[in-house]
């Protein structure tokens, strides 16, 4: 992941499991900028449903042309 301040690549300094989010991670870039990201874990069913919707959207576009 790139730093939102300067665009340099970051490393994870600390990672915690959170009850609200899946994980909370402290990141730091090479220019000493620090920030926190919160990552949610999606259930596998939600991912499959999203993929099906994307396939349907592509199919609809092909039919209209």
PDB file of N, CA and C in Angstrom:
ATOM      1  N   UNK A   1       0.840  -1.171   0.000  1.00  0.00           N
ATOM      2  CA  UNK A   1       0.000   0.000   0.000  1.00  0.00           C
ATOM      3  C   UNK A   1       0.890   1.239   0.000  1.00  0.00           C
ATOM      4  N   UNK A   2       0.426   2.276  -0.690  1.00  0.00           N
ATOM      5  CA  UNK A   2       1.203   3.512  -0.751  1.00  0.00           C
ATOM      6  C   UNK A   2       0.707   4.519   0.286  1.00  0.00           C
ATOM      7  N   UNK A   3       1.618   5.363   0.724  1.00  0.00           N
ATOM      8  CA  UNK A   3       1.324   6.398   1.709  1.00  0.00           C
ATOM      9  C   UNK A   3       0.399   7.451   1.093  1.00  0.00           C
ATOM     10  N   UNK A   4      -0.687   7.830   1.793  1.00  0.00           N
ATOM     11  CA  UNK A   4      -1.576   8.850   1.246  1.00  0.00           C
ATOM     12  C   UNK A   4      -0.953  10.248   1.234  1.00  0.00           C
ATOM     13  N   UNK A   5       0.084  10.477   2.025  1.00  0.00           N
ATOM     14  CA  UNK A   5       0.722  11.792   2.093  1.00  0.00           C
ATOM     15  C   UNK A   5       1.742  11.999   0.984  1.00  0.00           C
ATOM     16  N   UNK A   6       2.662  11.021   0.824  1.00  0.00           N
ATOM     17  CA  UNK A   6       3.765  11.224  -0.124  1.00  0.00           C
ATOM     18  C   UNK A   6       3.798  10.208  -1.265  1.00  0.00           C
ATOM     19  N   UNK A   7       3.039   9.113  -1.175  1.00  0.00           N
ATOM     20  CA  UNK A   7       2.998   8.131  -2.247  1.00  0.00           C
ATOM     21  C   UNK A   7       4.073   7.069  -2.171  1.00  0.00           C
ATOM     22  N   UNK A   8       4.876   7.050  -1.105  1.00  0.00           N
ATOM     23  CA  UNK A   8       5.919   6.029  -0.954  1.00  0.00           C
ATOM     24  C   UNK A   8       5.284   4.720  -0.446  1.00  0.00           C
ATOM     25  N   UNK A   9       5.938   3.601  -0.723  1.00  0.00           N
ATOM     26  CA  UNK A   9       5.443   2.314  -0.244  1.00  0.00           C
ATOM     27  C   UNK A   9       5.562   2.240   1.270  1.00  0.00           C
ATOM     28  N   UNK A  10       4.640   1.515   1.907  1.00  0.00           N
ATOM     29  CA  UNK A  10       4.598   1.429   3.363  1.00  0.00           C
ATOM     30  C   UNK A  10       4.873   0.014   3.842  1.00  0.00           C
ATOM     31  N   UNK A  11       5.190  -0.084   5.126  1.00  0.00           N
ATOM     32  CA  UNK A  11       5.327  -1.373   5.792  1.00  0.00           C
ATOM     33  C   UNK A  11       4.389  -1.383   6.991  1.00  0.00           C
ATOM     34  N   UNK A  12       3.959  -2.580   7.388  1.00  0.00           N
ATOM     35  CA  UNK A  12       3.074  -2.722   8.542  1.00  0.00           C
ATOM     36  C   UNK A  12       3.936  -2.795   9.795  1.00  0.00           C
ATOM     37  N   UNK A  13       3.692  -1.892  10.732  1.00  0.00           N
ATOM     38  CA  UNK A  13       4.447  -1.862  11.982  1.00  0.00           C
ATOM     39  C   UNK A  13       3.724  -2.610  13.096  1.00  0.00           C
ATOM     40  N   UNK A  14       2.381  -2.581  13.067  1.00  0.00           N
ATOM     41  CA  UNK A  14       1.605  -3.233  14.113  1.00  0.00           C
ATOM     42  C   UNK A  14       0.279  -3.689  13.523  1.00  0.00           C
ATOM     43  N   UNK A  15      -0.193  -4.848  13.924  1.00  0.00           N
ATOM     44  CA  UNK A  15      -1.443  -5.387  13.415  1.00  0.00           C
ATOM     45  C   UNK A  15      -2.234  -5.962  14.583  1.00  0.00           C
ATOM     46  N   UNK A  16      -3.516  -5.554  14.691  1.00  0.00           N
ATOM     47  CA  UNK A  16      -4.375  -6.053  15.764  1.00  0.00           C
ATOM     48  C   UNK A  16      -5.698  -6.518  15.183  1.00  0.00           C
ATOM     49  N   UNK A  17      -6.246  -7.549  15.800  1.00  0.00           N
ATOM     50  CA  UNK A  17      -7.583  -7.978  15.418  1.00  0.00           C
ATOM     51  C   UNK A  17      -8.576  -7.119  16.186  1.00  0.00           C
ATOM     52  N   UNK A  18      -9.595  -6.648  15.496  1.00  0.00           N
ATOM     53  CA  UNK A  18     -10.557  -5.727  16.088  1.00  0.00           C
ATOM     54  C   UNK A  18     -11.940  -6.361  16.098  1.00  0.00           C
ATOM     55  N   UNK A  19     -12.759  -5.994  17.085  1.00  0.00           N
ATOM     56  CA  UNK A  19     -14.121  -6.534  17.137  1.00  0.00           C
ATOM     57  C   UNK A  19     -15.025  -5.836  16.127  1.00  0.00           C
ATOM     58  N   UNK A  20     -14.780  -4.559  15.853  1.00  0.00           N
ATOM     59  CA  UNK A  20     -15.606  -3.802  14.915  1.00  0.00           C
ATOM     60  C   UNK A  20     -15.155  -4.080  13.484  1.00  0.00           C
ATOM     61  N   UNK A  21     -13.869  -3.984  13.236  1.00  0.00           N
ATOM     62  CA  UNK A  21     -13.303  -4.247  11.918  1.00  0.00           C
ATOM     63  C   UNK A  21     -12.595  -5.588  11.975  1.00  0.00           C
ATOM     64  N   UNK A  22     -12.193  -6.098  10.833  1.00  0.00           N
ATOM     65  CA  UNK A  22     -11.446  -7.350  10.816  1.00  0.00           C
ATOM     66  C   UNK A  22     -10.068  -7.156  11.437  1.00  0.00           C
ATOM     67  N   UNK A  23      -9.322  -6.167  10.918  1.00  0.00           N
ATOM     68  CA  UNK A  23      -7.980  -5.883  11.419  1.00  0.00           C
ATOM     69  C   UNK A  23      -7.726  -4.384  11.414  1.00  0.00           C
ATOM     70  N   UNK A  24      -6.973  -3.927  12.386  1.00  0.00           N
ATOM     71  CA  UNK A  24      -6.496  -2.553  12.421  1.00  0.00           C
ATOM     72  C   UNK A  24      -4.983  -2.630  12.293  1.00  0.00           C
ATOM     73  N   UNK A  25      -4.435  -1.935  11.314  1.00  0.00           N
ATOM     74  CA  UNK A  25      -2.990  -1.997  11.061  1.00  0.00           C
ATOM     75  C   UNK A  25      -2.374  -0.607  11.105  1.00  0.00           C
ATOM     76  N   UNK A  26      -1.223  -0.493  11.794  1.00  0.00           N
ATOM     77  CA  UNK A  26      -0.433   0.732  11.794  1.00  0.00           C
ATOM     78  C   UNK A  26       0.605   0.584  10.707  1.00  0.00           C
ATOM     79  N   UNK A  27       0.679   1.561   9.823  1.00  0.00           N
ATOM     80  CA  UNK A  27       1.627   1.524   8.707  1.00  0.00           C
ATOM     81  C   UNK A  27       2.555   2.718   8.784  1.00  0.00           C
ATOM     82  N   UNK A  28       3.730   2.544   8.172  1.00  0.00           N
ATOM     83  CA  UNK A  28       4.715   3.627   8.131  1.00  0.00           C
ATOM     84  C   UNK A  28       5.443   3.575   6.790  1.00  0.00           C
ATOM     85  N   UNK A  29       5.626   4.748   6.189  1.00  0.00           N
ATOM     86  CA  UNK A  29       6.336   4.799   4.918  1.00  0.00           C
ATOM     87  C   UNK A  29       7.811   5.115   5.168  1.00  0.00           C
ATOM     88  N   UNK A  30       8.589   5.125   4.119  1.00  0.00           N
ATOM     89  CA  UNK A  30      10.018   5.406   4.230  1.00  0.00           C
ATOM     90  C   UNK A  30      10.322   6.830   4.672  1.00  0.00           C
ATOM     91  N   UNK A  31       9.343   7.735   4.525  1.00  0.00           N
ATOM     92  CA  UNK A  31       9.526   9.133   4.934  1.00  0.00           C
ATOM     93  C   UNK A  31       8.998   9.409   6.336  1.00  0.00           C
ATOM     94  N   UNK A  32       8.771   8.342   7.115  1.00  0.00           N
ATOM     95  CA  UNK A  32       8.347   8.416   8.511  1.00  0.00           C
ATOM     96  C   UNK A  32       6.910   8.900   8.698  1.00  0.00           C
ATOM     97  N   UNK A  33       6.088   8.876   7.658  1.00  0.00           N
ATOM     98  CA  UNK A  33       4.669   9.190   7.822  1.00  0.00           C
ATOM     99  C   UNK A  33       3.977   7.950   8.370  1.00  0.00           C
ATOM    100  N   UNK A  34       3.120   8.133   9.373  1.00  0.00           N
ATOM    101  CA  UNK A  34       2.402   7.001   9.969  1.00  0.00           C
ATOM    102  C   UNK A  34       0.906   7.194   9.804  1.00  0.00           C
ATOM    103  N   UNK A  35       0.197   6.096   9.548  1.00  0.00           N
ATOM    104  CA  UNK A  35      -1.250   6.145   9.457  1.00  0.00           C
ATOM    105  C   UNK A  35      -1.825   4.772   9.771  1.00  0.00           C
ATOM    106  N   UNK A  36      -3.130   4.732  10.015  1.00  0.00           N
ATOM    107  CA  UNK A  36      -3.821   3.510  10.399  1.00  0.00           C
ATOM    108  C   UNK A  36      -4.804   3.109   9.306  1.00  0.00           C
ATOM    109  N   UNK A  37      -4.859   1.816   9.017  1.00  0.00           N
ATOM    110  CA  UNK A  37      -5.877   1.298   8.100  1.00  0.00           C
ATOM    111  C   UNK A  37      -6.738   0.304   8.861  1.00  0.00           C
ATOM    112  N   UNK A  38      -8.004   0.230   8.472  1.00  0.00           N
ATOM    113  CA  UNK A  38      -8.932  -0.719   9.074  1.00  0.00           C
ATOM    114  C   UNK A  38      -9.482  -1.586   7.970  1.00  0.00           C
ATOM    115  N   UNK A  39      -9.276  -2.885   8.096  1.00  0.00           N
ATOM    116  CA  UNK A  39      -9.645  -3.826   7.044  1.00  0.00           C
ATOM    117  C   UNK A  39     -10.775  -4.719   7.532  1.00  0.00           C
ATOM    118  N   UNK A  40     -11.821  -4.800   6.734  1.00  0.00           N
ATOM    119  CA  UNK A  40     -12.950  -5.661   7.069  1.00  0.00           C
ATOM    120  C   UNK A  40     -12.811  -6.986   6.335  1.00  0.00           C
ATOM    121  N   UNK A  41     -13.199  -8.029   6.996  1.00  0.00           N
ATOM    122  CA  UNK A  41     -13.192  -9.351   6.393  1.00  0.00           C
ATOM    123  C   UNK A  41     -14.610  -9.630   5.890  1.00  0.00           C
ATOM    124  N   UNK A  42     -14.739  -9.845   4.590  1.00  0.00           N
ATOM    125  CA  UNK A  42     -16.043 -10.144   4.006  1.00  0.00           C
ATOM    126  C   UNK A  42     -16.280 -11.646   4.000  1.00  0.00           C
ATOM    127  N   UNK A  43     -17.509 -12.050   4.260  1.00  0.00           N
ATOM    128  CA  UNK A  43     -17.807 -13.480   4.149  1.00  0.00           C
ATOM    129  C   UNK A  43     -17.681 -13.933   2.694  1.00  0.00           C
ATOM    130  N   UNK A  44     -17.362 -15.183   2.513  1.00  0.00           N
ATOM    131  CA  UNK A  44     -17.143 -15.709   1.159  1.00  0.00           C
ATOM    132  C   UNK A  44     -18.400 -15.579   0.300  1.00  0.00           C
ATOM    133  N   UNK A  45     -19.572 -15.704   0.914  1.00  0.00           N
ATOM    134  CA  UNK A  45     -20.827 -15.578   0.159  1.00  0.00           C
ATOM    135  C   UNK A  45     -20.978 -14.184  -0.434  1.00  0.00           C
ATOM    136  N   UNK A  46     -20.565 -13.165   0.287  1.00  0.00           N
ATOM    137  CA  UNK A  46     -20.675 -11.789  -0.214  1.00  0.00           C
ATOM    138  C   UNK A  46     -19.771 -11.591  -1.431  1.00  0.00           C
ATOM    139  N   UNK A  47     -18.599 -12.186  -1.408  1.00  0.00           N
ATOM    140  CA  UNK A  47     -17.665 -12.068  -2.534  1.00  0.00           C
ATOM    141  C   UNK A  47     -18.233 -12.765  -3.764  1.00  0.00           C
ATOM    142  N   UNK A  48     -18.790 -13.963  -3.573  1.00  0.00           N
ATOM    143  CA  UNK A  48     -19.369 -14.702  -4.703  1.00  0.00           C
ATOM    144  C   UNK A  48     -20.553 -13.941  -5.298  1.00  0.00           C
ATOM    145  N   UNK A  49     -21.387 -13.344  -4.444  1.00  0.00           N
ATOM    146  CA  UNK A  49     -22.534 -12.589  -4.936  1.00  0.00           C
ATOM    147  C   UNK A  49     -22.071 -11.374  -5.741  1.00  0.00           C
ATOM    148  N   UNK A  50     -21.033 -10.691  -5.273  1.00  0.00           N
ATOM    149  CA  UNK A  50     -20.493  -9.534  -5.987  1.00  0.00           C
ATOM    150  C   UNK A  50     -19.958  -9.958  -7.366  1.00  0.00           C
ATOM    151  N   UNK A  51     -19.268 -11.090  -7.413  1.00  0.00           N
ATOM    152  CA  UNK A  51     -18.727 -11.585  -8.683  1.00  0.00           C
ATOM    153  C   UNK A  51     -19.853 -11.920  -9.656  1.00  0.00           C
ATOM    154  N   UNK A  52     -20.947 -12.502  -9.165  1.00  0.00           N
ATOM    155  CA  UNK A  52     -22.084 -12.810 -10.032  1.00  0.00           C
ATOM    156  C   UNK A  52     -22.694 -11.537 -10.613  1.00  0.00           C
ATOM    157  N   UNK A  53     -22.805 -10.492  -9.785  1.00  0.00           N
ATOM    158  CA  UNK A  53     -23.356  -9.222 -10.262  1.00  0.00           C
ATOM    159  C   UNK A  53     -22.483  -8.622 -11.352  1.00  0.00           C
ATOM    160  N   UNK A  54     -21.162  -8.721 -11.193  1.00  0.00           N
ATOM    161  CA  UNK A  54     -20.252  -8.184 -12.198  1.00  0.00           C
ATOM    162  C   UNK A  54     -20.401  -8.938 -13.521  1.00  0.00           C
ATOM    163  N   UNK A  55     -20.575 -10.243 -13.465  1.00  0.00           N
ATOM    164  CA  UNK A  55     -20.758 -11.048 -14.671  1.00  0.00           C
ATOM    165  C   UNK A  55     -22.056 -10.652 -15.372  1.00  0.00           C
ATOM    166  N   UNK A  56     -23.130 -10.422 -14.594  1.00  0.00           N
ATOM    167  CA  UNK A  56     -24.401 -10.014 -15.182  1.00  0.00           C
ATOM    168  C   UNK A  56     -24.300  -8.644 -15.845  1.00  0.00           C
ATOM    169  N   UNK A  57     -23.586  -7.725 -15.241  1.00  0.00           N
ATOM    170  CA  UNK A  57     -23.418  -6.397 -15.828  1.00  0.00           C
ATOM    171  C   UNK A  57     -22.701  -6.475 -17.170  1.00  0.00           C
ATOM    172  N   UNK A  58     -21.660  -7.293 -17.249  1.00  0.00           N
ATOM    173  CA  UNK A  58     -20.911  -7.460 -18.496  1.00  0.00           C
ATOM    174  C   UNK A  58     -21.809  -8.097 -19.557  1.00  0.00           C
ATOM    175  N   UNK A  59     -22.593  -9.079 -19.163  1.00  0.00           N
ATOM    176  CA  UNK A  59     -23.490  -9.755 -20.103  1.00  0.00           C
ATOM    177  C   UNK A  59     -24.552  -8.789 -20.644  1.00  0.00           C
ATOM    178  N   UNK A  60     -25.084  -7.920 -19.792  1.00  0.00           N
ATOM    179  CA  UNK A  60     -26.082  -6.948 -20.236  1.00  0.00           C
ATOM    180  C   UNK A  60     -25.488  -5.973 -21.241  1.00  0.00           C
ATOM    181  N   UNK A  61     -24.260  -5.548 -21.008  1.00  0.00           N
ATOM    182  CA  UNK A  61     -23.606  -4.623 -21.932  1.00  0.00           C
ATOM    183  C   UNK A  61     -23.414  -5.265 -23.295  1.00  0.00           C
ATOM    184  N   UNK A  62     -23.073  -6.543 -23.334  1.00  0.00           N
ATOM    185  CA  UNK A  62     -22.861  -7.246 -24.594  1.00  0.00           C
ATOM    186  C   UNK A  62     -24.162  -7.405 -25.370  1.00  0.00           C
ATOM    187  N   UNK A  63     -25.277  -7.633 -24.674  1.00  0.00           N
ATOM    188  CA  UNK A  63     -26.567  -7.835 -25.314  1.00  0.00           C
ATOM    189  C   UNK A  63     -27.058  -6.526 -25.940  1.00  0.00           C
ATOM    190  N   UNK A  64     -26.850  -5.385 -25.273  1.00  0.00           N
ATOM    191  CA  UNK A  64     -27.307  -4.087 -25.773  1.00  0.00           C
ATOM    192  C   UNK A  64     -26.628  -3.679 -27.063  1.00  0.00           C
ATOM    193  N   UNK A  65     -25.401  -4.098 -27.274  1.00  0.00           N
ATOM    194  CA  UNK A  65     -24.652  -3.684 -28.466  1.00  0.00           C
ATOM    195  C   UNK A  65     -25.083  -4.431 -29.637  1.00  0.00           C
TER     196      UNK A  65
END
